[in-house]
Amino acid sequence: MSALFGIDVLLANPALLEQLRGKRVALVAHPASVTADLTHSLDALIAAGVNVTSAFGPQHGLKGDKQDNMVETADETDPQYGIPIFSLYGDVRRPTGQMMSSADVFLFDLQDLGCRIYTFVTTLLYLLEEAAMHGKTVWVLDRPNPAGRPVEGTLLVPGHESFVGAAPMPMRHGLTMGEMGQWFIHHFDLDVDYRVVGMQGYEPDGTGHGWPVGRIWINPSPNAASLNMARAYAGTVMIEGATLSEGRGTTRPLEVLFGAPDLDAKAVLAEMERIAPEWLAGCALRDCWFEPTFHKHAGELCNALMIHAEGAFYDHEAFRPWRLQALAFKAIRTLHPDYPIWRGREFKYEYTQDTLAIDVINGGPSLREWVDDPASTPADLDAMAAKDEAAWRDQVTDLLLY
């Protein structure tokens, strides 16, 4: 039998359901918020007799219909149940007092990708902070981290916080959302009534390397189309800060190291192998071609390197997507010193001002500076990241639930 996620455990536990009786309950959810039999959590909770009085949708909406970043969702009323659906990616990112007054207990049931920049992490923090302020209860219905336990990347530098960088954590954090909630409460000293409805039978270091074998993958956001993408995302998301295509406008977005009409993918791969062959471990890289139907380089034939962190090519412990993506940038910079890799300041990434998107994404300028410095070596970046990775592991060891 495959693992049971938090929603499954809640619905199967009469004692837990009894604790919700007489309470007004809100659900924070998206399309991947489903039970083991693929019933959406909203439908399943209401069918179980839970008094759901409101629902909340994060970035991309409760329905997951908003394709790109920075496409907002409006509040609405659910046509079937008549309850308000509040958007946490519209007029506000943080729940308002009016929104918080709609319920007593908030069930957080979002599938995450295990990456700091994936905005559901920040949504959890904002919910916890508002719940502390308004005396509300938060239950995280826990779900797997599909990227597993490995930790990678430099810590966000204080002062670089944003909606894609809630706190000083690394890009690949290795926690479930239930565990992350505990870290937020500890780090920010929050006084909030908090509970994790933990998973049963979940083994983060088991056969699925973070994602239980036998559980269906459903896109938590429109471009998170596969487990391969979830594994690669802590690296490929950095392309959102570059002029290169991350594959949006194709059927395999964020599963490539780059795509561009004016780069030779095989030459870039050869340069990567020359600079730091050990950073290519744990996956297969395949040169390919695509023509985006929208987004960057729309209608142009792009040469690309596709990542295959799957099947027999995948080594969970050896695969390091953040370093792999940094290496691709470095190889392009070495081959083409004047290539305009980075998107300019005029691109306001996640509503930030006067900060390069790549620096917003990485929570500081260190990775970009490493790429652009002709004298920098892989050992330099490795030393910088390894120190932060070790510090993070020390911080979270006592918070791990599985």
Protein backbone atom coordinates (compact mmCIF):
# COMPACT_ATOMS: atom_id res chain seq x y z
CA MET A 1 0.00 0.00 0.00
CA SER A 2 1.30 3.45 -0.85
CA ALA A 3 1.71 6.21 1.70
CA LEU A 4 -1.29 8.07 3.06
CA PHE A 5 -1.03 11.85 2.89
CA GLY A 6 -2.33 14.21 5.57
CA ILE A 7 -5.78 14.60 3.99
CA ASP A 8 -6.18 10.80 3.85
CA VAL A 9 -5.14 10.43 7.48
CA LEU A 10 -7.58 13.14 8.59
CA LEU A 11 -10.53 11.65 6.73
CA ALA A 12 -9.82 8.16 8.10
CA ASN A 13 -9.51 9.32 11.72
CA PRO A 14 -12.85 9.92 13.48
CA ALA A 15 -11.09 11.44 16.49
CA LEU A 16 -9.41 14.10 14.33
CA LEU A 17 -12.64 14.86 12.49
CA GLU A 18 -14.43 15.18 15.83
CA GLN A 19 -12.00 17.97 16.78
CA LEU A 20 -13.29 19.95 13.79
CA ARG A 21 -16.94 19.48 14.75
CA GLY A 22 -18.59 22.78 15.62
CA LYS A 23 -15.72 24.73 14.08
CA ARG A 24 -15.75 26.86 10.95
CA VAL A 25 -13.06 25.42 8.71
CA ALA A 26 -11.13 27.00 5.82
CA LEU A 27 -9.17 25.03 3.24
CA VAL A 28 -6.04 26.30 1.47
CA ALA A 29 -5.80 24.17 -1.66
CA HIS A 30 -4.99 23.83 -5.36
CA PRO A 31 -5.50 21.16 -8.06
CA ALA A 32 -3.03 18.71 -6.47
CA SER A 33 -4.97 18.81 -3.19
CA VAL A 34 -6.54 15.40 -3.67
CA THR A 35 -7.09 12.24 -1.67
CA ALA A 36 -5.64 8.84 -2.53
CA ASP A 37 -8.65 8.15 -4.76
CA LEU A 38 -8.17 11.56 -6.50
CA THR A 39 -11.16 13.29 -4.88
CA HIS A 40 -10.41 16.96 -4.37
CA SER A 41 -9.89 17.79 -0.69
CA LEU A 42 -12.68 20.39 -0.73
CA ASP A 43 -15.22 17.83 -1.93
CA ALA A 44 -13.90 15.14 0.41
CA LEU A 45 -14.01 17.34 3.51
CA ILE A 46 -17.54 18.55 2.83
CA ALA A 47 -18.69 14.99 2.11
CA ALA A 48 -17.20 13.96 5.47
CA GLY A 49 -19.38 16.53 7.23
CA VAL A 50 -16.69 19.14 7.89
CA ASN A 51 -18.17 22.66 8.05
CA VAL A 52 -16.04 24.29 5.36
CA THR A 53 -16.93 27.99 5.35
CA SER A 54 -14.26 29.31 2.99
CA ALA A 55 -11.44 28.24 0.70
CA PHE A 56 -8.18 29.88 -0.31
CA GLY A 57 -6.27 29.59 -3.56
CA PRO A 58 -2.50 30.32 -3.75
CA GLN A 59 -0.53 31.43 -6.81
CA HIS A 60 -2.09 30.00 -10.01
CA GLY A 61 -5.45 29.78 -8.23
CA LEU A 62 -7.52 27.11 -6.53
CA LYS A 63 -8.16 25.66 -9.99
CA GLY A 64 -4.53 26.07 -11.12
CA ASP A 65 -5.65 27.78 -14.30
CA LYS A 66 -3.21 30.73 -14.33
CA GLN A 67 -0.35 29.71 -16.59
CA ASP A 68 2.45 32.21 -15.96
CA ASN A 69 4.02 33.91 -12.95
CA MET A 70 2.56 37.24 -11.84
CA VAL A 71 -0.87 36.43 -13.28
CA GLU A 72 -3.32 37.24 -10.54
CA THR A 73 -6.51 35.45 -9.52
CA ALA A 74 -9.65 37.23 -8.31
CA ASP A 75 -11.80 36.28 -5.35
CA GLU A 76 -14.93 34.34 -6.28
CA THR A 77 -17.78 32.28 -4.90
CA ASP A 78 -17.72 28.53 -5.33
CA PRO A 79 -20.61 27.70 -7.70
CA GLN A 80 -21.30 24.33 -6.06
CA TYR A 81 -21.00 25.12 -2.36
CA GLY A 82 -21.64 28.86 -2.31
CA ILE A 83 -18.63 29.56 -0.07
CA PRO A 84 -16.15 32.38 -0.72
CA ILE A 85 -12.89 31.45 -2.43
CA PHE A 86 -10.25 33.98 -1.44
CA SER A 87 -7.22 34.57 -3.64
CA LEU A 88 -3.81 34.76 -2.00
CA TYR A 89 -2.30 35.82 -5.32
CA GLY A 90 -4.49 38.73 -6.35
CA ASP A 91 -5.08 41.99 -4.57
CA VAL A 92 -3.20 40.52 -1.59
CA ARG A 93 -0.55 37.88 -0.91
CA ARG A 94 -1.20 37.86 2.82
CA PRO A 95 -4.66 36.90 4.19
CA THR A 96 -6.55 39.97 5.37
CA GLY A 97 -8.37 40.25 8.67
CA GLN A 98 -11.66 39.80 6.84
CA MET A 99 -10.39 36.60 5.24
CA MET A 100 -9.15 35.30 8.58
CA SER A 101 -12.55 36.01 10.16
CA SER A 102 -14.17 33.48 7.80
CA ALA A 103 -13.01 30.44 9.80
CA ASP A 104 -11.68 29.15 13.12
CA VAL A 105 -9.40 26.40 11.79
CA PHE A 106 -7.32 26.68 8.60
CA LEU A 107 -6.37 23.45 6.83
CA PHE A 108 -3.29 23.95 4.66
CA ASP A 109 -3.20 21.26 1.96
CA LEU A 110 -0.75 22.42 -0.71
CA GLN A 111 1.61 20.10 -2.58
CA ASP A 112 5.05 21.72 -2.55
CA LEU A 113 8.15 21.10 -4.71
CA GLY A 114 10.73 21.34 -1.93
CA CYS A 115 12.17 24.60 -3.27
CA ARG A 116 12.36 27.94 -1.42
CA ILE A 117 11.21 29.94 -4.45
CA TYR A 118 8.00 27.96 -4.91
CA THR A 119 5.57 30.48 -3.47
CA PHE A 120 3.44 28.05 -1.46
CA VAL A 121 6.21 28.12 1.15
CA THR A 122 5.75 31.87 1.66
CA THR A 123 1.96 31.47 1.65
CA LEU A 124 2.33 29.10 4.61
CA LEU A 125 4.43 31.64 6.51
CA TYR A 126 1.96 34.44 5.88
CA LEU A 127 -0.93 32.23 7.01
CA LEU A 128 0.91 31.30 10.22
CA GLU A 129 1.73 34.93 10.97
CA GLU A 130 -1.88 36.04 10.46
CA ALA A 131 -3.21 33.08 12.44
CA ALA A 132 -0.94 34.07 15.33
CA MET A 133 -2.21 37.64 15.12
CA HIS A 134 -5.90 36.69 14.97
CA GLY A 135 -5.87 33.72 17.35
CA LYS A 136 -6.66 31.11 14.70
CA THR A 137 -5.66 27.46 14.42
CA VAL A 138 -3.61 26.07 11.52
CA TRP A 139 -3.37 22.39 10.59
CA VAL A 140 -0.97 21.37 7.84
CA LEU A 141 -2.27 18.29 6.06
CA ASP A 142 1.19 17.09 5.20
CA ARG A 143 2.34 15.98 1.76
CA PRO A 144 5.66 14.65 0.43
CA ASN A 145 8.61 16.72 -0.62
CA PRO A 146 9.10 15.24 -4.11
CA ALA A 147 12.72 16.41 -4.19
CA GLY A 148 13.43 14.40 -1.04
CA ARG A 149 15.77 15.17 1.83
CA PRO A 150 18.87 16.51 -0.01
CA VAL A 151 19.69 20.14 0.78
CA GLU A 152 21.34 22.46 -1.75
CA GLY A 153 22.10 26.11 -2.33
CA THR A 154 23.19 29.19 -0.45
CA LEU A 155 21.01 30.67 2.28
CA LEU A 156 18.91 33.71 1.44
CA VAL A 157 20.76 36.84 2.57
CA PRO A 158 18.83 38.96 5.10
CA GLY A 159 17.42 41.98 3.30
CA HIS A 160 16.66 39.95 0.17
CA GLU A 161 13.31 38.59 1.40
CA SER A 162 10.48 38.48 -1.14
CA PHE A 163 7.43 36.42 -2.02
CA VAL A 164 9.87 33.86 -3.47
CA GLY A 165 12.20 34.10 -0.48
CA ALA A 166 10.43 34.02 2.87
CA ALA A 167 13.44 33.56 5.13
CA PRO A 168 17.12 32.49 5.26
CA MET A 169 16.71 29.01 3.85
CA PRO A 170 18.52 27.32 0.94
CA MET A 171 17.00 26.81 -2.50
CA ARG A 172 16.43 23.09 -1.93
CA HIS A 173 15.30 22.81 1.68
CA GLY A 174 14.57 19.10 2.14
CA LEU A 175 11.45 19.58 4.30
CA THR A 176 7.77 18.77 4.00
CA MET A 177 5.35 21.65 4.49
CA GLY A 178 4.47 20.34 7.95
CA GLU A 179 8.13 20.45 8.93
CA MET A 180 8.58 23.85 7.31
CA GLY A 181 5.72 25.22 9.41
CA GLN A 182 7.57 24.09 12.52
CA TRP A 183 10.74 25.83 11.34
CA PHE A 184 8.83 29.06 10.67
CA ILE A 185 7.29 28.98 14.14
CA HIS A 186 10.71 28.42 15.69
CA HIS A 187 12.58 30.93 13.52
CA PHE A 188 10.06 33.76 13.80
CA ASP A 189 9.01 32.90 17.38
CA LEU A 190 5.33 32.65 16.44
CA ASP A 191 2.70 31.96 19.07
CA VAL A 192 0.17 30.02 17.03
CA ASP A 193 -2.03 26.97 17.59
CA TYR A 194 -0.37 24.62 15.09
CA ARG A 195 -0.69 20.97 14.24
CA VAL A 196 0.72 18.70 11.55
CA VAL A 197 -1.54 15.91 10.38
CA GLY A 198 1.35 13.69 9.40
CA MET A 199 1.57 11.15 6.63
CA GLN A 200 1.48 7.41 7.27
CA GLY A 201 3.87 5.04 5.55
CA TYR A 202 5.92 7.88 4.08
CA GLU A 203 9.64 7.19 3.66
CA PRO A 204 11.51 10.23 2.30
CA ASP A 205 14.57 8.08 1.66
CA GLY A 206 12.59 5.14 0.34
CA THR A 207 12.19 3.74 -3.16
CA GLY A 208 10.54 6.85 -4.58
CA HIS A 209 13.28 9.17 -3.26
CA GLY A 210 10.74 11.59 -1.83
CA TRP A 211 7.68 10.74 -3.91
CA PRO A 212 5.87 7.54 -2.86
CA VAL A 213 5.66 4.86 -5.50
CA GLY A 214 2.02 4.28 -6.38
CA ARG A 215 0.80 7.86 -5.81
CA ILE A 216 -0.30 9.77 -8.90
CA TRP A 217 1.50 13.01 -9.79
CA ILE A 218 -0.88 15.94 -10.33
CA ASN A 219 0.42 19.35 -11.35
CA PRO A 220 0.44 21.61 -8.27
CA SER A 221 0.97 24.49 -10.73
CA PRO A 222 0.56 24.52 -14.52
CA ASN A 223 4.26 24.12 -15.32
CA ALA A 224 4.98 21.45 -12.69
CA ALA A 225 4.06 18.68 -15.06
CA SER A 226 6.18 15.78 -13.80
CA LEU A 227 8.29 14.35 -11.03
CA ASN A 228 11.32 15.01 -13.25
CA MET A 229 10.46 18.71 -13.19
CA ALA A 230 10.08 18.67 -9.40
CA ARG A 231 13.54 17.17 -9.02
CA ALA A 232 15.16 19.63 -11.44
CA TYR A 233 13.26 22.73 -10.33
CA ALA A 234 15.68 23.92 -7.64
CA GLY A 235 18.09 24.55 -10.51
CA THR A 236 15.96 25.30 -13.55
CA VAL A 237 13.85 27.91 -11.77
CA MET A 238 16.89 30.18 -11.94
CA ILE A 239 16.35 30.48 -15.72
CA GLU A 240 13.37 32.69 -14.90
CA GLY A 241 16.00 35.30 -14.09
CA ALA A 242 17.75 34.79 -17.42
CA THR A 243 17.07 35.69 -21.04
CA LEU A 244 17.28 31.97 -21.86
CA SER A 245 14.11 29.92 -22.23
CA GLU A 246 13.15 27.59 -19.38
CA GLY A 247 10.85 25.75 -21.79
CA ARG A 248 7.64 27.67 -21.06
CA GLY A 249 5.49 27.43 -24.13
CA THR A 250 6.44 23.76 -24.57
CA THR A 251 5.11 20.56 -23.02
CA ARG A 252 8.20 20.11 -20.77
CA PRO A 253 8.81 23.45 -19.05
CA LEU A 254 11.52 23.76 -16.39
CA GLU A 255 13.08 20.45 -17.39
CA VAL A 256 15.83 22.06 -19.48
CA LEU A 257 19.05 23.81 -18.44
CA PHE A 258 18.47 26.43 -21.12
CA GLY A 259 17.00 26.95 -24.54
CA ALA A 260 18.12 29.62 -26.98
CA PRO A 261 18.16 30.16 -30.75
CA ASP A 262 21.76 31.41 -30.70
CA LEU A 263 23.52 28.81 -28.53
CA ASP A 264 25.03 25.43 -29.42
CA ALA A 265 23.83 23.03 -26.74
CA LYS A 266 26.49 20.40 -27.43
CA ALA A 267 29.23 23.01 -27.15
CA VAL A 268 27.81 24.22 -23.83
CA LEU A 269 27.63 20.65 -22.54
CA ALA A 270 31.26 20.02 -23.54
CA GLU A 271 32.30 23.15 -21.66
CA MET A 272 30.32 22.04 -18.59
CA GLU A 273 32.12 18.70 -18.69
CA ARG A 274 35.45 20.51 -18.90
CA ILE A 275 34.75 22.91 -16.01
CA ALA A 276 33.14 20.62 -13.41
CA PRO A 277 32.30 17.12 -14.65
CA GLU A 278 31.36 16.00 -11.12
CA TRP A 279 28.42 18.44 -11.11
CA LEU A 280 26.78 16.56 -13.99
CA ALA A 281 26.28 13.44 -11.89
CA GLY A 282 22.96 11.81 -11.06
CA CYS A 283 21.12 12.47 -14.31
CA ALA A 284 21.39 12.34 -18.09
CA LEU A 285 21.61 15.48 -20.26
CA ARG A 286 20.35 15.32 -23.83
CA ASP A 287 20.59 18.05 -26.44
CA CYS A 288 17.25 18.76 -28.07
CA TRP A 289 15.28 21.37 -29.98
CA PHE A 290 12.00 23.16 -29.29
CA GLU A 291 9.99 26.11 -30.52
CA PRO A 292 8.06 27.85 -27.71
CA THR A 293 4.48 28.74 -28.63
CA PHE A 294 4.59 31.61 -26.13
CA HIS A 295 6.92 33.27 -23.61
CA LYS A 296 10.66 33.80 -24.26
CA HIS A 297 11.81 33.13 -27.84
CA ALA A 298 8.25 32.36 -28.93
CA GLY A 299 8.18 31.05 -32.48
CA GLU A 300 11.97 30.64 -32.62
CA LEU A 301 13.78 27.32 -32.91
CA CYS A 302 15.83 26.86 -29.74
CA ASN A 303 18.67 24.46 -29.02
CA ALA A 304 18.54 23.13 -25.47
CA LEU A 305 19.83 20.67 -22.92
CA MET A 306 17.10 18.45 -21.45
CA ILE A 307 17.54 17.05 -17.94
CA HIS A 308 16.54 13.44 -17.26
CA ALA A 309 16.57 12.96 -13.48
CA GLU A 310 14.49 9.82 -13.89
CA GLY A 311 14.63 6.13 -14.61
CA ALA A 312 17.99 4.40 -14.60
CA PHE A 313 19.75 7.74 -15.12
CA TYR A 314 18.71 9.11 -11.72
CA ASP A 315 20.96 8.95 -8.67
CA HIS A 316 19.13 10.67 -5.84
CA GLU A 317 22.19 11.42 -3.71
CA ALA A 318 24.43 12.50 -6.58
CA PHE A 319 21.97 14.78 -8.40
CA ARG A 320 22.55 18.45 -7.53
CA PRO A 321 20.31 20.62 -9.71
CA TRP A 322 21.34 23.99 -8.24
CA ARG A 323 24.99 23.36 -9.03
CA LEU A 324 24.09 21.88 -12.41
CA GLN A 325 22.19 25.00 -13.44
CA ALA A 326 24.94 27.28 -12.13
CA LEU A 327 27.40 25.28 -14.22
CA ALA A 328 25.32 25.75 -17.37
CA PHE A 329 25.34 29.52 -16.81
CA LYS A 330 29.09 29.42 -16.18
CA ALA A 331 29.74 27.44 -19.37
CA ILE A 332 27.72 29.92 -21.44
CA ARG A 333 29.56 32.85 -19.85
CA THR A 334 32.94 31.19 -20.52
CA LEU A 335 32.14 30.44 -24.16
CA HIS A 336 30.41 33.78 -24.77
CA PRO A 337 31.76 36.43 -22.35
CA ASP A 338 29.42 39.13 -23.64
CA TYR A 339 26.25 37.03 -23.86
CA PRO A 340 23.31 38.82 -22.17
CA ILE A 341 22.43 35.98 -19.79
CA TRP A 342 20.59 37.99 -17.13
CA ARG A 343 17.25 39.72 -17.43
CA GLY A 344 17.59 43.43 -16.64
CA ARG A 345 16.26 45.51 -13.77
CA GLU A 346 13.31 46.61 -15.86
CA PHE A 347 11.87 43.10 -15.35
CA LYS A 348 10.12 43.32 -11.97
CA TYR A 349 10.33 39.72 -10.80
CA GLU A 350 7.55 38.89 -8.32
CA TYR A 351 6.86 42.59 -7.82
CA THR A 352 10.34 43.45 -6.54
CA GLN A 353 11.94 46.79 -7.45
CA ASP A 354 15.42 47.58 -8.75
CA THR A 355 16.80 44.11 -8.10
CA LEU A 356 17.94 41.73 -10.82
CA ALA A 357 15.57 38.78 -11.09
CA ILE A 358 18.43 36.29 -10.75
CA ASP A 359 19.36 37.89 -7.40
CA VAL A 360 15.74 37.79 -6.20
CA ILE A 361 15.57 34.11 -7.10
CA ASN A 362 18.82 33.23 -5.34
CA GLY A 363 18.19 35.46 -2.36
CA GLY A 364 21.34 37.46 -3.01
CA PRO A 365 23.93 38.22 -5.70
CA SER A 366 26.52 35.53 -4.97
CA LEU A 367 25.60 33.04 -7.69
CA ARG A 368 25.41 35.70 -10.41
CA GLU A 369 28.73 37.17 -9.29
CA TRP A 370 30.30 33.71 -9.39
CA VAL A 371 29.05 33.12 -12.94
CA ASP A 372 30.26 36.51 -14.15
CA ASP A 373 33.71 36.40 -12.51
CA PRO A 374 36.24 34.95 -14.99
CA ALA A 375 38.53 33.98 -12.12
CA SER A 376 35.96 32.07 -10.07
CA THR A 377 36.13 28.29 -9.85
CA PRO A 378 33.67 25.50 -9.02
CA ALA A 379 35.49 25.10 -5.71
CA ASP A 380 34.57 28.69 -4.81
CA LEU A 381 30.84 28.15 -5.27
CA ASP A 382 30.99 24.74 -3.68
CA ALA A 383 32.67 26.08 -0.54
CA MET A 384 30.16 28.92 -0.24
CA ALA A 385 27.16 26.63 -0.63
CA ALA A 386 28.51 23.74 1.46
CA LYS A 387 28.87 26.00 4.49
CA ASP A 388 25.26 27.18 4.21
CA GLU A 389 23.95 23.69 3.49
CA ALA A 390 25.59 22.32 6.62
CA ALA A 391 24.21 25.17 8.72
CA TRP A 392 20.69 24.51 7.43
CA ARG A 393 20.89 20.78 8.13
CA ASP A 394 21.90 21.56 11.70
CA GLN A 395 18.92 23.91 12.09
CA VAL A 396 16.28 21.48 10.90
CA THR A 397 17.48 18.10 12.18
CA ASP A 398 15.25 18.17 15.26
CA LEU A 399 12.19 19.19 13.20
CA LEU A 400 12.11 16.19 10.88
CA LEU A 401 8.94 14.12 11.26
CA TYR A 402 9.82 11.21 8.95
